[in-house]
Amino acid sequence: MKVGFIGTGVMGHAIVLRLMNAGHELFVYNRTKNKTDDLVAEGATWKDTPKEITDASDIVFYYGRLPSRCGTGIL
């Protein structure tokens, strides 16, 4: 399954690793790009915007404090 993650903080990061280990294709976006470097090194694909995450994914998880930071992409 193609899974997108918007926000890869402590919780999102751990879930991304588990899903990759289970064989899923992961797409990641975080406001601070370098916080996803190790996930990309492990096989996740970086996307430049939340919109790119939603376009590429079968399902999207949002891990962040305020949904307004993603704008209408979350809808």
PDB file of N, CA and C in Angstrom:
ATOM      1  N   MET A   1       0.846  -1.172   0.000  1.00  0.00           N
ATOM      2  CA  MET A   1       0.000   0.000   0.000  1.00  0.00           C
ATOM      3  C   MET A   1       0.893   1.236   0.000  1.00  0.00           C
ATOM      4  N   LYS A   2       0.459   2.275  -0.682  1.00  0.00           N
ATOM      5  CA  LYS A   2       1.170   3.550  -0.717  1.00  0.00           C
ATOM      6  C   LYS A   2       0.639   4.413   0.419  1.00  0.00           C
ATOM      7  N   VAL A   3       1.516   4.721   1.372  1.00  0.00           N
ATOM      8  CA  VAL A   3       1.114   5.424   2.586  1.00  0.00           C
ATOM      9  C   VAL A   3       1.862   6.751   2.680  1.00  0.00           C
ATOM     10  N   GLY A   4       1.125   7.831   2.914  1.00  0.00           N
ATOM     11  CA  GLY A   4       1.726   9.144   3.064  1.00  0.00           C
ATOM     12  C   GLY A   4       1.690   9.612   4.505  1.00  0.00           C
ATOM     13  N   PHE A   5       2.757  10.287   4.912  1.00  0.00           N
ATOM     14  CA  PHE A   5       2.833  10.869   6.250  1.00  0.00           C
ATOM     15  C   PHE A   5       3.169  12.338   6.140  1.00  0.00           C
ATOM     16  N   ILE A   6       2.296  13.168   6.683  1.00  0.00           N
ATOM     17  CA  ILE A   6       2.544  14.597   6.800  1.00  0.00           C
ATOM     18  C   ILE A   6       2.841  14.832   8.270  1.00  0.00           C
ATOM     19  N   GLY A   7       4.091  15.106   8.563  1.00  0.00           N
ATOM     20  CA  GLY A   7       4.539  15.250   9.945  1.00  0.00           C
ATOM     21  C   GLY A   7       5.214  13.969  10.403  1.00  0.00           C
ATOM     22  N   THR A   8       6.492  14.075  10.663  1.00  0.00           N
ATOM     23  CA  THR A   8       7.248  12.889  11.070  1.00  0.00           C
ATOM     24  C   THR A   8       7.968  13.151  12.388  1.00  0.00           C
ATOM     25  N   GLY A   9       7.201  13.603  13.363  1.00  0.00           N
ATOM     26  CA  GLY A   9       7.754  13.793  14.704  1.00  0.00           C
ATOM     27  C   GLY A   9       8.011  12.443  15.353  1.00  0.00           C
ATOM     28  N   VAL A  10       8.058  12.411  16.646  1.00  0.00           N
ATOM     29  CA  VAL A  10       8.382  11.182  17.373  1.00  0.00           C
ATOM     30  C   VAL A  10       7.427  10.052  17.001  1.00  0.00           C
ATOM     31  N   MET A  11       6.136  10.295  17.050  1.00  0.00           N
ATOM     32  CA  MET A  11       5.169   9.237  16.759  1.00  0.00           C
ATOM     33  C   MET A  11       5.154   8.875  15.275  1.00  0.00           C
ATOM     34  N   GLY A  12       5.066   9.882  14.416  1.00  0.00           N
ATOM     35  CA  GLY A  12       5.029   9.625  12.983  1.00  0.00           C
ATOM     36  C   GLY A  12       6.270   8.899  12.492  1.00  0.00           C
ATOM     37  N   HIS A  13       7.421   9.288  13.003  1.00  0.00           N
ATOM     38  CA  HIS A  13       8.696   8.684  12.626  1.00  0.00           C
ATOM     39  C   HIS A  13       8.694   7.186  12.928  1.00  0.00           C
ATOM     40  N   ALA A  14       8.283   6.828  14.118  1.00  0.00           N
ATOM     41  CA  ALA A  14       8.265   5.419  14.523  1.00  0.00           C
ATOM     42  C   ALA A  14       7.295   4.607  13.667  1.00  0.00           C
ATOM     43  N   ILE A  15       6.148   5.174  13.357  1.00  0.00           N
ATOM     44  CA  ILE A  15       5.156   4.460  12.551  1.00  0.00           C
ATOM     45  C   ILE A  15       5.648   4.284  11.115  1.00  0.00           C
ATOM     46  N   VAL A  16       6.286   5.307  10.562  1.00  0.00           N
ATOM     47  CA  VAL A  16       6.841   5.195   9.207  1.00  0.00           C
ATOM     48  C   VAL A  16       7.832   4.038   9.138  1.00  0.00           C
ATOM     49  N   LEU A  17       8.730   3.946  10.106  1.00  0.00           N
ATOM     50  CA  LEU A  17       9.712   2.855  10.106  1.00  0.00           C
ATOM     51  C   LEU A  17       9.035   1.493  10.163  1.00  0.00           C
ATOM     52  N   ARG A  18       8.040   1.358  11.007  1.00  0.00           N
ATOM     53  CA  ARG A  18       7.327   0.070  11.125  1.00  0.00           C
ATOM     54  C   ARG A  18       6.618  -0.295   9.827  1.00  0.00           C
ATOM     55  N   LEU A  19       5.965   0.675   9.213  1.00  0.00           N
ATOM     56  CA  LEU A  19       5.252   0.401   7.965  1.00  0.00           C
ATOM     57  C   LEU A  19       6.211   0.056   6.828  1.00  0.00           C
ATOM     58  N   MET A  20       7.370   0.715   6.782  1.00  0.00           N
ATOM     59  CA  MET A  20       8.364   0.360   5.769  1.00  0.00           C
ATOM     60  C   MET A  20       8.862  -1.064   5.990  1.00  0.00           C
ATOM     61  N   ASN A  21       9.107  -1.415   7.242  1.00  0.00           N
ATOM     62  CA  ASN A  21       9.562  -2.775   7.554  1.00  0.00           C
ATOM     63  C   ASN A  21       8.510  -3.819   7.199  1.00  0.00           C
ATOM     64  N   ALA A  22       7.249  -3.416   7.174  1.00  0.00           N
ATOM     65  CA  ALA A  22       6.164  -4.329   6.805  1.00  0.00           C
ATOM     66  C   ALA A  22       5.963  -4.398   5.287  1.00  0.00           C
ATOM     67  N   GLY A  23       6.756  -3.628   4.533  1.00  0.00           N
ATOM     68  CA  GLY A  23       6.715  -3.717   3.082  1.00  0.00           C
ATOM     69  C   GLY A  23       5.886  -2.676   2.360  1.00  0.00           C
ATOM     70  N   HIS A  24       5.400  -1.672   3.074  1.00  0.00           N
ATOM     71  CA  HIS A  24       4.600  -0.626   2.431  1.00  0.00           C
ATOM     72  C   HIS A  24       5.508   0.437   1.813  1.00  0.00           C
ATOM     73  N   GLU A  25       5.000   1.101   0.790  1.00  0.00           N
ATOM     74  CA  GLU A  25       5.711   2.203   0.160  1.00  0.00           C
ATOM     75  C   GLU A  25       5.322   3.487   0.890  1.00  0.00           C
ATOM     76  N   LEU A  26       6.315   4.209   1.414  1.00  0.00           N
ATOM     77  CA  LEU A  26       6.046   5.387   2.242  1.00  0.00           C
ATOM     78  C   LEU A  26       6.493   6.671   1.570  1.00  0.00           C
ATOM     79  N   PHE A  27       5.635   7.691   1.696  1.00  0.00           N
ATOM     80  CA  PHE A  27       5.933   9.045   1.236  1.00  0.00           C
ATOM     81  C   PHE A  27       5.896   9.950   2.459  1.00  0.00           C
ATOM     82  N   VAL A  28       6.891  10.821   2.591  1.00  0.00           N
ATOM     83  CA  VAL A  28       6.977  11.648   3.793  1.00  0.00           C
ATOM     84  C   VAL A  28       7.114  13.122   3.446  1.00  0.00           C
ATOM     85  N   TYR A  29       6.525  13.946   4.310  1.00  0.00           N
ATOM     86  CA  TYR A  29       6.668  15.397   4.253  1.00  0.00           C
ATOM     87  C   TYR A  29       6.730  15.896   5.687  1.00  0.00           C
ATOM     88  N   ASN A  30       7.621  16.827   5.921  1.00  0.00           N
ATOM     89  CA  ASN A  30       7.735  17.473   7.223  1.00  0.00           C
ATOM     90  C   ASN A  30       8.161  18.914   6.973  1.00  0.00           C
ATOM     91  N   ARG A  31       7.687  19.838   7.784  1.00  0.00           N
ATOM     92  CA  ARG A  31       8.083  21.244   7.606  1.00  0.00           C
ATOM     93  C   ARG A  31       9.590  21.406   7.668  1.00  0.00           C
ATOM     94  N   THR A  32      10.254  20.619   8.497  1.00  0.00           N
ATOM     95  CA  THR A  32      11.710  20.639   8.585  1.00  0.00           C
ATOM     96  C   THR A  32      12.224  19.407   7.848  1.00  0.00           C
ATOM     97  N   LYS A  33      12.647  19.598   6.608  1.00  0.00           N
ATOM     98  CA  LYS A  33      12.990  18.476   5.732  1.00  0.00           C
ATOM     99  C   LYS A  33      14.059  17.562   6.320  1.00  0.00           C
ATOM    100  N   ASN A  34      15.084  18.129   6.957  1.00  0.00           N
ATOM    101  CA  ASN A  34      16.184  17.282   7.436  1.00  0.00           C
ATOM    102  C   ASN A  34      15.758  16.294   8.517  1.00  0.00           C
ATOM    103  N   LYS A  35      14.587  16.479   9.100  1.00  0.00           N
ATOM    104  CA  LYS A  35      14.093  15.515  10.089  1.00  0.00           C
ATOM    105  C   LYS A  35      13.589  14.231   9.436  1.00  0.00           C
ATOM    106  N   THR A  36      13.540  14.218   8.107  1.00  0.00           N
ATOM    107  CA  THR A  36      13.137  13.003   7.387  1.00  0.00           C
ATOM    108  C   THR A  36      14.318  12.317   6.712  1.00  0.00           C
ATOM    109  N   ASP A  37      15.514  12.866   6.852  1.00  0.00           N
ATOM    110  CA  ASP A  37      16.677  12.325   6.141  1.00  0.00           C
ATOM    111  C   ASP A  37      16.905  10.843   6.409  1.00  0.00           C
ATOM    112  N   ASP A  38      16.802  10.419   7.656  1.00  0.00           N
ATOM    113  CA  ASP A  38      17.039   9.002   7.954  1.00  0.00           C
ATOM    114  C   ASP A  38      15.928   8.126   7.391  1.00  0.00           C
ATOM    115  N   LEU A  39      14.696   8.638   7.344  1.00  0.00           N
ATOM    116  CA  LEU A  39      13.594   7.868   6.764  1.00  0.00           C
ATOM    117  C   LEU A  39      13.803   7.683   5.263  1.00  0.00           C
ATOM    118  N   VAL A  40      14.248   8.734   4.597  1.00  0.00           N
ATOM    119  CA  VAL A  40      14.538   8.650   3.164  1.00  0.00           C
ATOM    120  C   VAL A  40      15.700   7.683   2.928  1.00  0.00           C
ATOM    121  N   ALA A  41      16.707   7.730   3.788  1.00  0.00           N
ATOM    122  CA  ALA A  41      17.837   6.800   3.666  1.00  0.00           C
ATOM    123  C   ALA A  41      17.391   5.348   3.835  1.00  0.00           C
ATOM    124  N   GLU A  42      16.328   5.137   4.606  1.00  0.00           N
ATOM    125  CA  GLU A  42      15.798   3.785   4.833  1.00  0.00           C
ATOM    126  C   GLU A  42      14.840   3.340   3.728  1.00  0.00           C
ATOM    127  N   GLY A  43      14.463   4.274   2.823  1.00  0.00           N
ATOM    128  CA  GLY A  43      13.612   3.879   1.704  1.00  0.00           C
ATOM    129  C   GLY A  43      12.342   4.672   1.496  1.00  0.00           C
ATOM    130  N   ALA A  44      12.020   5.591   2.400  1.00  0.00           N
ATOM    131  CA  ALA A  44      10.844   6.447   2.197  1.00  0.00           C
ATOM    132  C   ALA A  44      11.142   7.446   1.078  1.00  0.00           C
ATOM    133  N   THR A  45      10.097   7.968   0.468  1.00  0.00           N
ATOM    134  CA  THR A  45      10.246   8.956  -0.594  1.00  0.00           C
ATOM    135  C   THR A  45       9.809  10.315  -0.076  1.00  0.00           C
ATOM    136  N   TRP A  46      10.693  11.311  -0.190  1.00  0.00           N
ATOM    137  CA  TRP A  46      10.384  12.678   0.212  1.00  0.00           C
ATOM    138  C   TRP A  46       9.467  13.312  -0.827  1.00  0.00           C
ATOM    139  N   LYS A  47       8.467  14.047  -0.374  1.00  0.00           N
ATOM    140  CA  LYS A  47       7.614  14.861  -1.233  1.00  0.00           C
ATOM    141  C   LYS A  47       7.710  16.300  -0.748  1.00  0.00           C
ATOM    142  N   ASP A  48       7.707  17.248  -1.688  1.00  0.00           N
ATOM    143  CA  ASP A  48       7.931  18.654  -1.358  1.00  0.00           C
ATOM    144  C   ASP A  48       6.744  19.373  -0.738  1.00  0.00           C
ATOM    145  N   THR A  49       5.535  18.849  -0.907  1.00  0.00           N
ATOM    146  CA  THR A  49       4.345  19.516  -0.375  1.00  0.00           C
ATOM    147  C   THR A  49       3.343  18.482   0.142  1.00  0.00           C
ATOM    148  N   PRO A  50       2.461  18.882   1.044  1.00  0.00           N
ATOM    149  CA  PRO A  50       1.389  17.980   1.464  1.00  0.00           C
ATOM    150  C   PRO A  50       0.522  17.531   0.276  1.00  0.00           C
ATOM    151  N   LYS A  51       0.323  18.401  -0.706  1.00  0.00           N
ATOM    152  CA  LYS A  51      -0.452  18.040  -1.903  1.00  0.00           C
ATOM    153  C   LYS A  51       0.196  16.876  -2.640  1.00  0.00           C
ATOM    154  N   GLU A  52       1.512  16.885  -2.753  1.00  0.00           N
ATOM    155  CA  GLU A  52       2.210  15.777  -3.408  1.00  0.00           C
ATOM    156  C   GLU A  52       2.016  14.475  -2.629  1.00  0.00           C
ATOM    157  N   ILE A  53       1.948  14.575  -1.309  1.00  0.00           N
ATOM    158  CA  ILE A  53       1.695  13.386  -0.480  1.00  0.00           C
ATOM    159  C   ILE A  53       0.310  12.823  -0.800  1.00  0.00           C
ATOM    160  N   THR A  54      -0.695  13.683  -0.821  1.00  0.00           N
ATOM    161  CA  THR A  54      -2.056  13.196  -1.067  1.00  0.00           C
ATOM    162  C   THR A  54      -2.211  12.634  -2.474  1.00  0.00           C
ATOM    163  N   ASP A  55      -1.531  13.210  -3.439  1.00  0.00           N
ATOM    164  CA  ASP A  55      -1.617  12.718  -4.817  1.00  0.00           C
ATOM    165  C   ASP A  55      -0.973  11.341  -4.980  1.00  0.00           C
ATOM    166  N   ALA A  56       0.089  11.065  -4.239  1.00  0.00           N
ATOM    167  CA  ALA A  56       0.857   9.827  -4.406  1.00  0.00           C
ATOM    168  C   ALA A  56       0.350   8.669  -3.551  1.00  0.00           C
ATOM    169  N   SER A  57      -0.478   8.951  -2.552  1.00  0.00           N
ATOM    170  CA  SER A  57      -0.794   7.957  -1.523  1.00  0.00           C
ATOM    171  C   SER A  57      -2.205   7.391  -1.625  1.00  0.00           C
ATOM    172  N   ASP A  58      -2.330   6.136  -1.186  1.00  0.00           N
ATOM    173  CA  ASP A  58      -3.648   5.515  -1.037  1.00  0.00           C
ATOM    174  C   ASP A  58      -4.317   5.979   0.252  1.00  0.00           C
ATOM    175  N   ILE A  59      -3.498   6.236   1.257  1.00  0.00           N
ATOM    176  CA  ILE A  59      -3.981   6.699   2.566  1.00  0.00           C
ATOM    177  C   ILE A  59      -2.949   7.676   3.111  1.00  0.00           C
ATOM    178  N   VAL A  60      -3.419   8.696   3.841  1.00  0.00           N
ATOM    179  CA  VAL A  60      -2.526   9.722   4.381  1.00  0.00           C
ATOM    180  C   VAL A  60      -2.765   9.875   5.875  1.00  0.00           C
ATOM    181  N   PHE A  61      -1.676   9.940   6.622  1.00  0.00           N
ATOM    182  CA  PHE A  61      -1.724  10.214   8.055  1.00  0.00           C
ATOM    183  C   PHE A  61      -1.131  11.592   8.296  1.00  0.00           C
ATOM    184  N   TYR A  62      -1.786  12.366   9.148  1.00  0.00           N
ATOM    185  CA  TYR A  62      -1.294  13.691   9.519  1.00  0.00           C
ATOM    186  C   TYR A  62      -0.933  13.669  10.991  1.00  0.00           C
ATOM    187  N   TYR A  63       0.326  13.964  11.286  1.00  0.00           N
ATOM    188  CA  TYR A  63       0.783  14.055  12.668  1.00  0.00           C
ATOM    189  C   TYR A  63       1.346  15.451  12.879  1.00  0.00           C
ATOM    190  N   GLY A  64       0.515  16.334  13.392  1.00  0.00           N
ATOM    191  CA  GLY A  64       0.932  17.700  13.632  1.00  0.00           C
ATOM    192  C   GLY A  64       0.035  18.339  14.666  1.00  0.00           C
ATOM    193  N   ARG A  65       0.441  19.491  15.119  1.00  0.00           N
ATOM    194  CA  ARG A  65      -0.320  20.172  16.168  1.00  0.00           C
ATOM    195  C   ARG A  65      -1.570  20.850  15.633  1.00  0.00           C
ATOM    196  N   LEU A  66      -1.428  21.553  14.525  1.00  0.00           N
ATOM    197  CA  LEU A  66      -2.547  22.340  14.010  1.00  0.00           C
ATOM    198  C   LEU A  66      -2.831  21.975  12.559  1.00  0.00           C
ATOM    199  N   PRO A  67      -3.985  21.401  12.267  1.00  0.00           N
ATOM    200  CA  PRO A  67      -4.297  21.063  10.878  1.00  0.00           C
ATOM    201  C   PRO A  67      -4.230  22.256   9.935  1.00  0.00           C
ATOM    202  N   SER A  68      -4.418  23.466  10.439  1.00  0.00           N
ATOM    203  CA  SER A  68      -4.385  24.640   9.570  1.00  0.00           C
ATOM    204  C   SER A  68      -3.028  24.812   8.900  1.00  0.00           C
ATOM    205  N   ARG A  69      -1.992  24.204   9.441  1.00  0.00           N
ATOM    206  CA  ARG A  69      -0.674  24.298   8.815  1.00  0.00           C
ATOM    207  C   ARG A  69      -0.633  23.578   7.471  1.00  0.00           C
ATOM    208  N   CYS A  70      -1.550  22.663   7.254  1.00  0.00           N
ATOM    209  CA  CYS A  70      -1.612  21.950   5.976  1.00  0.00           C
ATOM    210  C   CYS A  70      -2.576  22.605   5.008  1.00  0.00           C
ATOM    211  N   GLY A  71      -3.337  23.552   5.453  1.00  0.00           N
ATOM    212  CA  GLY A  71      -4.300  24.210   4.588  1.00  0.00           C
ATOM    213  C   GLY A  71      -5.380  23.254   4.129  1.00  0.00           C
ATOM    214  N   THR A  72      -5.889  23.475   2.940  1.00  0.00           N
ATOM    215  CA  THR A  72      -6.982  22.645   2.445  1.00  0.00           C
ATOM    216  C   THR A  72      -6.511  21.294   1.933  1.00  0.00           C
ATOM    217  N   GLY A  73      -5.217  21.058   1.871  1.00  0.00           N
ATOM    218  CA  GLY A  73      -4.711  19.762   1.423  1.00  0.00           C
ATOM    219  C   GLY A  73      -5.213  18.620   2.270  1.00  0.00           C
ATOM    220  N   ILE A  74      -5.578  18.903   3.502  1.00  0.00           N
ATOM    221  CA  ILE A  74      -6.051  17.854   4.404  1.00  0.00           C
ATOM    222  C   ILE A  74      -7.476  17.442   4.080  1.00  0.00           C
ATOM    223  N   LEU A  75      -8.212  18.309   3.424  1.00  0.00           N
ATOM    224  CA  LEU A  75      -9.587  18.001   3.053  1.00  0.00           C
ATOM    225  C   LEU A  75      -9.586  17.092   1.859  1.00  0.00           C
TER     226      LEU A  75
END
